[in-house]
Amino acid sequence: MRILKIALITLFTSGIFVACKKEKTENPKTPAQVIEGRWVGKYGFGNDVPSIYFSLNFKSGGVIEEISSTGGVKGTGTWEMTGNTITAHYTWVSNQQPFSIVAAFYPSTGKILGNWGYGSSATDGGLWDMTKQ
């Protein structure tokens, strides 16, 4: 009987430790943290289907770079994200041409779809789409 009591006490004691074990919880990334990194896709003019190489590097701290097909930085500027909407303004390095973009991030597909424009208008240039690299 004494062995049975010891076995039951041991069983209950180990059960308490197992039941109280804390699980590791990872901090989920915010949408802005998911966006950070290099994205590659295509852009088009007006309502044309995007067909021209386009790449953006969304850096932490709100810095954005347009990247050429050879990997060089074509332009730099700033970006921000509110909800799933991204807005950015950047300037080409070569000729100081300013551009603006507005886009929506679709977490279910992992795509960004948007409009681009000249200067402060984000809609007078055309359409673009990207996926993360």
Protein backbone atom coordinates (compact mmCIF):
# COMPACT_ATOMS: atom_id res chain seq x y z
CA MET A 1 0.00 0.00 0.00
CA ARG A 2 2.87 2.33 0.83
CA ILE A 3 4.36 1.82 -2.66
CA LEU A 4 1.00 2.61 -4.24
CA LYS A 5 0.79 5.91 -2.26
CA ILE A 6 4.31 6.89 -3.33
CA ALA A 7 3.52 6.04 -6.96
CA LEU A 8 0.32 8.12 -6.86
CA ILE A 9 2.08 11.10 -5.26
CA THR A 10 4.84 10.90 -7.87
CA LEU A 11 2.26 10.67 -10.68
CA PHE A 12 0.31 13.70 -9.44
CA THR A 13 3.46 15.74 -8.84
CA SER A 14 4.79 15.07 -12.34
CA GLY A 15 1.35 15.84 -13.78
CA ILE A 16 1.42 19.28 -12.18
CA PHE A 17 4.79 20.09 -13.77
CA VAL A 18 3.62 18.93 -17.21
CA ALA A 19 0.34 20.85 -16.98
CA CYS A 20 2.12 24.05 -15.94
CA LYS A 21 4.76 23.95 -18.65
CA LYS A 22 4.85 27.27 -20.46
CA GLU A 23 4.82 27.23 -24.21
CA LYS A 24 7.15 29.45 -26.15
CA THR A 25 5.17 32.15 -27.85
CA GLU A 26 6.69 33.85 -30.82
CA ASN A 27 5.95 37.49 -31.37
CA PRO A 28 3.98 37.66 -34.59
CA LYS A 29 5.37 40.06 -37.15
CA THR A 30 3.51 43.26 -37.84
CA PRO A 31 2.43 43.85 -41.46
CA ALA A 32 5.22 46.44 -41.81
CA GLN A 33 7.81 43.87 -40.66
CA VAL A 34 6.46 41.39 -43.22
CA ILE A 35 6.89 44.01 -45.95
CA GLU A 36 10.53 44.73 -45.07
CA GLY A 37 12.88 43.21 -47.62
CA ARG A 38 13.28 43.02 -51.37
CA TRP A 39 10.24 42.70 -53.62
CA VAL A 40 10.34 42.02 -57.35
CA GLY A 41 7.64 42.39 -59.97
CA LYS A 42 6.59 44.46 -62.94
CA TYR A 43 5.09 47.84 -63.75
CA GLY A 44 3.16 49.20 -66.69
CA PHE A 45 1.99 52.53 -68.07
CA GLY A 46 -1.61 53.68 -67.70
CA ASN A 47 -3.95 50.70 -67.57
CA ASP A 48 -1.52 48.39 -69.43
CA VAL A 49 -0.78 45.04 -67.84
CA PRO A 50 2.52 45.41 -65.94
CA SER A 51 5.36 43.96 -68.05
CA ILE A 52 8.50 45.99 -67.20
CA TYR A 53 10.93 44.88 -64.46
CA PHE A 54 10.37 46.64 -61.13
CA SER A 55 11.97 46.00 -57.73
CA LEU A 56 11.69 47.76 -54.40
CA ASN A 57 13.63 47.24 -51.19
CA PHE A 58 11.56 48.18 -48.14
CA LYS A 59 14.03 48.81 -45.35
CA SER A 60 13.38 49.20 -41.64
CA GLY A 61 13.01 52.74 -40.41
CA GLY A 62 10.86 53.71 -43.41
CA VAL A 63 13.61 53.78 -46.06
CA ILE A 64 12.77 52.57 -49.58
CA GLU A 65 15.03 51.88 -52.55
CA GLU A 66 14.13 51.18 -56.15
CA ILE A 67 16.51 48.47 -57.37
CA SER A 68 17.57 48.03 -61.01
CA SER A 69 17.51 44.65 -62.76
CA THR A 70 21.31 44.50 -62.25
CA GLY A 71 20.97 45.08 -58.49
CA GLY A 72 21.98 48.74 -58.30
CA VAL A 73 20.04 51.37 -56.39
CA LYS A 74 18.06 53.53 -58.86
CA GLY A 75 16.22 55.63 -56.31
CA THR A 76 15.78 56.28 -52.60
CA GLY A 77 13.08 57.73 -50.39
CA THR A 78 10.64 56.93 -47.60
CA TRP A 79 7.72 54.56 -47.09
CA GLU A 80 5.03 53.91 -44.51
CA MET A 81 2.29 51.41 -43.94
CA THR A 82 -1.15 51.97 -42.46
CA GLY A 83 -3.14 48.77 -42.12
CA ASN A 84 -2.40 46.94 -45.37
CA THR A 85 -1.87 50.14 -47.40
CA ILE A 86 1.65 51.16 -48.37
CA THR A 87 2.57 54.67 -49.50
CA ALA A 88 6.01 55.83 -50.58
CA HIS A 89 7.83 58.75 -52.17
CA TYR A 90 11.28 58.37 -53.71
CA THR A 91 13.60 60.06 -56.18
CA TRP A 92 15.76 58.54 -58.87
CA VAL A 93 19.46 59.03 -58.21
CA SER A 94 20.40 59.69 -61.87
CA ASN A 95 18.08 62.57 -62.77
CA GLN A 96 16.28 63.48 -59.51
CA GLN A 97 12.88 62.41 -60.98
CA PRO A 98 10.44 62.02 -58.07
CA PHE A 99 7.88 59.20 -57.92
CA SER A 100 5.08 58.20 -55.56
CA ILE A 101 3.39 54.86 -55.04
CA VAL A 102 0.34 53.57 -53.24
CA ALA A 103 -0.39 49.88 -52.90
CA ALA A 104 -2.23 47.20 -51.00
CA PHE A 105 -0.52 44.22 -49.38
CA TYR A 106 -2.49 40.96 -49.62
CA PRO A 107 -1.23 38.61 -46.89
CA SER A 108 -3.25 35.67 -48.21
CA THR A 109 -1.40 35.73 -51.55
CA GLY A 110 1.83 37.42 -50.43
CA LYS A 111 1.47 40.06 -53.17
CA ILE A 112 1.59 43.81 -53.32
CA LEU A 113 -0.61 45.45 -55.98
CA GLY A 114 -0.51 49.17 -56.59
CA ASN A 115 -0.34 52.33 -58.62
CA TRP A 116 2.61 54.59 -59.29
CA GLY A 117 2.89 58.16 -60.43
CA TYR A 118 5.13 61.13 -61.08
CA GLY A 119 5.96 63.63 -58.36
CA SER A 120 3.42 63.63 -55.55
CA SER A 121 0.67 61.86 -57.53
CA ALA A 122 0.64 58.14 -56.92
CA THR A 123 -1.89 57.38 -59.66
CA ASP A 124 -0.92 59.14 -62.91
CA GLY A 125 1.75 56.65 -64.04
CA GLY A 126 0.37 53.14 -64.11
CA LEU A 127 -0.04 49.82 -62.33
CA TRP A 128 2.49 47.52 -60.64
CA ASP A 129 2.63 44.25 -58.75
CA MET A 130 5.29 42.41 -56.74
CA THR A 131 6.10 39.36 -54.67
CA LYS A 132 8.75 39.12 -51.97
CA GLN A 133 12.13 37.59 -52.80
